[in-house]
Protein backbone atom coordinates (compact mmCIF):
# COMPACT_ATOMS: atom_id res chain seq x y z
CA MET A 1 55.88 18.18 22.95
CA ALA A 2 52.74 16.43 24.23
CA ARG A 3 51.16 19.80 25.00
CA ARG A 4 51.83 21.00 21.44
CA VAL A 5 50.24 17.88 19.99
CA THR A 6 47.23 18.32 22.28
CA ALA A 7 46.94 22.00 21.34
CA ARG A 8 47.07 21.13 17.63
CA ARG A 9 44.37 18.52 18.05
CA ILE A 10 42.16 21.00 19.90
CA TRP A 11 42.74 23.62 17.20
CA VAL A 12 41.98 21.14 14.39
CA SER A 13 38.86 19.86 16.18
CA THR A 14 37.65 23.41 16.78
CA ALA A 15 38.25 24.43 13.17
CA ALA A 16 36.48 21.29 11.91
CA ALA A 17 33.53 21.98 14.21
CA TRP A 18 33.25 25.58 12.97
CA LEU A 19 33.46 24.42 9.35
CA PHE A 20 30.82 21.76 9.88
CA GLY A 21 28.55 24.24 11.64
CA PHE A 22 28.97 26.77 8.83
CA LEU A 23 28.10 24.16 6.20
CA ILE A 24 24.92 23.32 8.09
CA PHE A 25 24.02 27.00 8.54
CA LEU A 26 24.85 27.98 4.93
CA PRO A 27 21.47 26.98 3.40
CA ILE A 28 19.63 28.99 6.07
CA LEU A 29 21.90 31.98 5.45
CA TRP A 30 21.37 31.71 1.70
CA MET A 31 17.60 31.56 2.20
CA VAL A 32 17.61 34.69 4.37
CA LEU A 33 19.75 36.57 1.84
CA THR A 34 17.51 35.46 -1.02
CA SER A 35 14.48 36.83 0.82
CA PHE A 36 15.97 40.34 0.43
CA LYS A 37 16.54 39.98 -3.32
CA THR A 38 14.25 40.72 -6.22
CA GLU A 39 12.86 37.75 -8.13
CA LEU A 40 15.24 38.53 -11.00
CA GLU A 41 18.29 38.61 -8.73
CA ALA A 42 17.17 35.40 -7.01
CA PHE A 43 17.58 33.61 -10.38
CA SER A 44 20.75 35.42 -11.47
CA MET A 45 23.76 33.34 -12.53
CA PRO A 46 26.33 33.42 -11.13
CA PRO A 47 24.45 33.98 -7.87
CA LYS A 48 25.06 37.19 -5.93
CA PHE A 49 26.02 36.71 -2.31
CA LEU A 50 26.03 40.22 -0.81
CA LEU A 51 26.36 42.58 -3.76
CA PHE A 52 22.73 42.90 -4.76
CA HIS A 53 19.89 45.39 -4.39
CA TRP A 54 18.53 44.83 -0.87
CA THR A 55 14.75 45.14 -0.62
CA THR A 56 12.00 44.28 1.86
CA GLU A 57 9.38 44.09 -0.89
CA ASN A 58 9.06 40.32 -0.53
CA TYR A 59 8.13 40.56 3.15
CA VAL A 60 5.57 43.27 2.40
CA THR A 61 4.06 41.14 -0.37
CA VAL A 62 3.95 38.07 1.86
CA GLN A 63 2.16 40.00 4.60
CA GLU A 64 -0.35 41.46 2.15
CA ARG A 65 -1.04 38.19 0.37
CA SER A 66 -1.28 35.86 3.39
CA ASP A 67 -2.32 36.13 7.03
CA TYR A 68 0.97 35.19 8.65
CA LEU A 69 -0.34 35.61 12.20
CA HIS A 70 -3.22 33.19 11.54
CA HIS A 71 -0.85 30.49 10.31
CA ALA A 72 1.64 31.15 13.12
CA VAL A 73 -1.08 30.78 15.77
CA ASN A 74 -2.20 27.53 14.16
CA SER A 75 1.37 26.21 14.21
CA LEU A 76 1.77 27.18 17.85
CA LEU A 77 -1.50 25.57 18.94
CA ILE A 78 -1.03 22.42 16.87
CA ALA A 79 2.63 21.87 17.82
CA GLY A 80 2.06 22.81 21.46
CA GLY A 81 -1.10 20.71 21.81
CA SER A 82 0.38 17.61 20.20
CA THR A 83 3.54 17.94 22.30
CA LEU A 84 1.62 18.33 25.56
CA ILE A 85 -0.63 15.34 24.92
CA ALA A 86 2.32 13.20 23.77
CA MET A 87 4.23 14.01 26.97
CA ILE A 88 1.21 13.20 29.16
CA ILE A 89 0.91 9.79 27.50
CA ALA A 90 4.62 9.05 27.14
CA ILE A 91 5.79 9.78 30.72
CA PRO A 92 3.77 7.01 32.43
CA ALA A 93 4.35 4.67 29.46
CA ALA A 94 8.12 5.14 29.62
CA TRP A 95 8.06 4.82 33.42
CA SER A 96 6.30 1.45 33.27
CA MET A 97 8.72 0.14 30.64
CA ALA A 98 11.80 1.39 32.47
CA PHE A 99 10.92 0.42 36.06
CA ALA A 100 8.31 -2.33 35.66
CA PRO A 101 9.39 -4.18 32.51
CA THR A 102 7.85 -7.41 31.33
CA GLN A 103 9.01 -10.05 28.90
CA ARG A 104 7.26 -8.16 26.10
CA THR A 105 8.70 -4.71 26.86
CA LYS A 106 11.49 -4.90 24.28
CA ASP A 107 9.08 -6.23 21.67
CA ILE A 108 6.68 -3.36 22.33
CA LEU A 109 9.48 -0.80 22.03
CA LEU A 110 10.65 -2.31 18.75
CA TRP A 111 7.09 -2.42 17.45
CA MET A 112 6.57 1.25 18.28
CA LEU A 113 9.82 2.16 16.55
CA SER A 114 8.87 0.08 13.50
CA THR A 115 5.80 2.25 12.95
CA LYS A 116 8.16 5.13 12.07
CA MET A 117 9.75 3.04 9.32
CA MET A 118 6.62 3.00 7.17
CA PRO A 119 6.24 5.96 4.78
CA SER A 120 3.38 8.23 5.81
CA VAL A 121 2.01 8.19 2.26
CA GLY A 122 1.27 4.48 2.77
CA VAL A 123 -1.58 5.29 5.18
CA LEU A 124 -2.65 8.62 3.69
CA VAL A 125 -5.83 7.30 2.05
CA PRO A 126 -7.30 5.54 5.13
CA ILE A 127 -6.32 8.44 7.40
CA TYR A 128 -7.88 10.93 5.00
CA LEU A 129 -11.12 8.94 4.82
CA ILE A 130 -11.29 8.63 8.62
CA PHE A 131 -10.74 12.36 9.03
CA ARG A 132 -13.38 13.09 6.38
CA ASP A 133 -16.00 10.86 8.01
CA PHE A 134 -15.37 12.28 11.49
CA GLY A 135 -15.27 15.90 10.34
CA LEU A 136 -11.60 16.41 11.25
CA LEU A 137 -10.36 17.71 7.90
CA ASP A 138 -8.94 21.22 8.21
CA ARG A 139 -9.41 21.11 12.00
CA ARG A 140 -6.74 21.80 14.59
CA ALA A 141 -7.93 18.88 16.72
CA GLY A 142 -7.32 16.47 13.84
CA LEU A 143 -3.79 17.74 13.22
CA VAL A 144 -3.02 17.65 16.95
CA MET A 145 -4.15 14.03 17.03
CA ILE A 146 -2.18 12.84 13.99
CA LEU A 147 1.03 14.67 14.97
CA CYS A 148 0.79 13.40 18.55
CA LEU A 149 0.41 9.79 17.38
CA GLY A 150 3.15 10.21 14.79
CA ASN A 151 5.74 11.50 17.26
CA LEU A 152 4.67 9.38 20.24
CA PRO A 153 7.05 6.45 19.52
CA ILE A 154 10.07 8.78 19.45
CA VAL A 155 8.94 10.51 22.65
CA ILE A 156 8.46 7.23 24.51
CA TRP A 157 11.83 5.92 23.31
CA MET A 158 13.66 9.06 24.44
CA LEU A 159 11.98 9.13 27.85
CA PHE A 160 12.58 5.41 28.29
CA THR A 161 16.30 5.97 27.65
CA TYR A 162 16.45 8.83 30.16
CA PHE A 163 14.50 6.97 32.84
CA LYS A 164 16.78 3.93 32.53
CA GLU A 165 19.69 6.12 33.65
CA ILE A 166 18.01 6.98 36.97
CA PRO A 167 19.08 4.64 39.81
CA LYS A 168 16.24 2.36 40.90
CA ASP A 169 17.43 2.58 44.50
CA ILE A 170 16.06 6.12 44.74
CA LEU A 171 12.61 5.00 43.66
CA GLU A 172 12.72 2.00 46.01
CA ALA A 173 13.60 4.34 48.89
CA ALA A 174 10.61 6.51 48.01
CA ARG A 175 8.35 3.46 48.04
CA MET A 176 9.67 2.40 51.43
CA ASP A 177 8.76 5.87 52.71
CA GLY A 178 5.19 5.27 51.59
CA ALA A 179 5.16 7.07 48.24
CA THR A 180 2.45 5.92 45.86
CA ILE A 181 3.12 5.42 42.16
CA GLY A 182 1.61 8.81 41.38
CA ARG A 183 3.71 10.62 43.98
CA GLU A 184 6.80 8.70 42.90
CA LEU A 185 6.20 9.78 39.32
CA VAL A 186 5.45 13.42 40.11
CA TYR A 187 7.71 14.22 43.06
CA VAL A 188 10.69 11.88 42.58
CA LEU A 189 11.12 10.79 38.98
CA THR A 190 10.03 13.93 37.13
CA PRO A 191 12.33 16.38 39.00
CA MET A 192 15.31 14.06 38.46
CA ALA A 193 14.62 13.74 34.75
CA VAL A 194 14.03 17.43 34.02
CA PRO A 195 16.89 17.68 31.46
CA GLY A 196 15.60 14.64 29.58
CA LEU A 197 11.99 15.82 29.76
CA ALA A 198 12.94 19.29 28.52
CA SER A 199 14.96 18.02 25.55
CA THR A 200 12.23 15.53 24.62
CA LEU A 201 9.58 18.25 24.81
CA LEU A 202 11.65 20.64 22.68
CA LEU A 203 12.48 18.02 20.07
CA ASN A 204 8.85 16.92 19.83
CA PHE A 205 7.72 20.55 19.48
CA ILE A 206 10.25 21.15 16.68
CA LEU A 207 9.19 17.99 14.84
CA ALA A 208 5.52 18.99 15.09
CA TRP A 209 6.27 22.57 14.02
CA ASN A 210 8.17 21.38 10.93
CA GLU A 211 5.74 18.63 9.93
CA ALA A 212 4.63 19.21 6.34
CA PHE A 213 3.19 15.99 4.92
CA TRP A 214 0.12 15.69 7.16
CA THR A 215 -0.52 19.41 7.42
CA LEU A 216 -0.47 19.85 3.64
CA ASN A 217 -2.83 16.92 3.04
CA LEU A 218 -5.23 17.37 5.96
CA SER A 219 -5.65 21.16 6.09
CA THR A 220 -6.41 23.94 3.65
CA SER A 221 -7.24 27.24 5.36
CA ASP A 222 -8.86 27.25 8.82
CA ALA A 223 -6.28 25.00 10.51
CA ALA A 224 -3.43 25.61 8.05
CA PRO A 225 -0.09 26.08 9.86
CA LEU A 226 3.05 27.75 8.55
CA THR A 227 3.99 24.77 6.38
CA VAL A 228 0.89 25.44 4.27
CA PHE A 229 1.75 29.13 4.35
CA ILE A 230 5.12 28.33 2.74
CA ALA A 231 3.68 25.91 0.18
CA SER A 232 1.26 28.58 -1.06
CA TYR A 233 4.17 30.25 -2.86
CA SER A 234 4.55 27.28 -5.18
CA SER A 235 2.22 27.60 -8.16
CA PRO A 236 1.77 26.08 -11.64
CA GLU A 237 3.53 29.15 -13.01
CA GLY A 238 6.67 28.21 -11.10
CA LEU A 239 8.42 28.98 -7.86
CA PHE A 240 8.76 32.55 -6.65
CA TRP A 241 12.11 32.02 -4.97
CA ALA A 242 12.45 35.42 -3.31
CA LYS A 243 8.93 35.40 -1.87
CA LEU A 244 9.24 31.73 -0.97
CA SER A 245 12.46 32.52 0.92
CA ALA A 246 10.74 35.39 2.74
CA ALA A 247 7.85 33.15 3.76
CA SER A 248 10.27 30.40 4.87
CA THR A 249 12.30 32.89 6.91
CA LEU A 250 9.16 34.08 8.70
CA ALA A 251 8.13 30.46 9.31
CA ILE A 252 11.41 29.25 10.82
CA ALA A 253 12.22 32.44 12.77
CA PRO A 254 10.14 31.51 15.88
CA ILE A 255 11.59 28.00 16.14
CA ILE A 256 15.16 29.26 15.64
CA ILE A 257 14.68 31.83 18.40
CA LEU A 258 13.24 29.13 20.66
CA GLY A 259 16.19 26.85 19.93
CA TRP A 260 18.65 29.65 20.57
CA PHE A 261 17.28 30.42 24.04
CA THR A 262 16.90 26.76 25.01
CA GLN A 263 20.10 25.36 23.50
CA ARG A 264 21.76 24.75 26.87
CA GLN A 265 18.79 22.80 28.16
CA LEU A 266 18.53 20.89 24.89
CA VAL A 267 22.20 19.89 24.87
CA ARG A 268 22.07 19.02 28.56
CA GLY A 269 19.08 16.79 27.95
CA LEU A 270 20.54 15.07 24.90
CA THR A 271 23.68 14.24 26.89
CA PHE A 272 21.74 13.27 30.01
CA GLY A 273 23.16 10.05 31.40
CA ALA A 274 26.15 10.01 29.05
CA VAL A 275 28.58 10.53 31.92
CA LYS A 276 27.99 8.96 35.31
């Protein structure tokens, strides 16, 4: 009897998980299907799910109208650069807070987290003026800087949480063997926290790749990433839903492929330290 109850619970949990996953994936599926419709069919009511005239015209138009490769390279360089710099800054910062805390450590962590609570639009004007005066508008370096600073609190918090799960005895043993702080950080702590580092890096890269507010306001053409590429299909005449869906599909395809191949490492990192 107990086995039957357990089996039913497993079946119900599995079904609920599949249903929840499908509901999350449904908007992406609908977007991909819309990208193969004509503009007329994209607006048809009731909407057509599979029974419509399949066409690749939208993808051809998108490629002819915009330089997808240029925007994709910008996204890769901006997201990758901001992620790399954020990790270089966050690893020693999280190490010091986790293994050499002071009375102000908790206050500093809360202060960093509080900076994410303020809407970005609240500092748009001063940031825009600073970028204008320093010649950083529509420059990759400027976007790398603003995205790095924007995601840095989350990166430090995540690494701090992972580092706290590592036993201090291991680090103390390394110090007794003569390891300096640099060697301790590189040869002891980093290898032990690889799952946490990998998941933090991937999450930061995804956040930077998907960032739209700063990229739309601080870039126009030279440094424009894929978010600007998508927004270009919104015009005063209205939204071209089929072409917009095609552009969105091309924009999210690289990050979805990356997430698919790194899902094990991402899940392992997000659950790092959950079970001792």
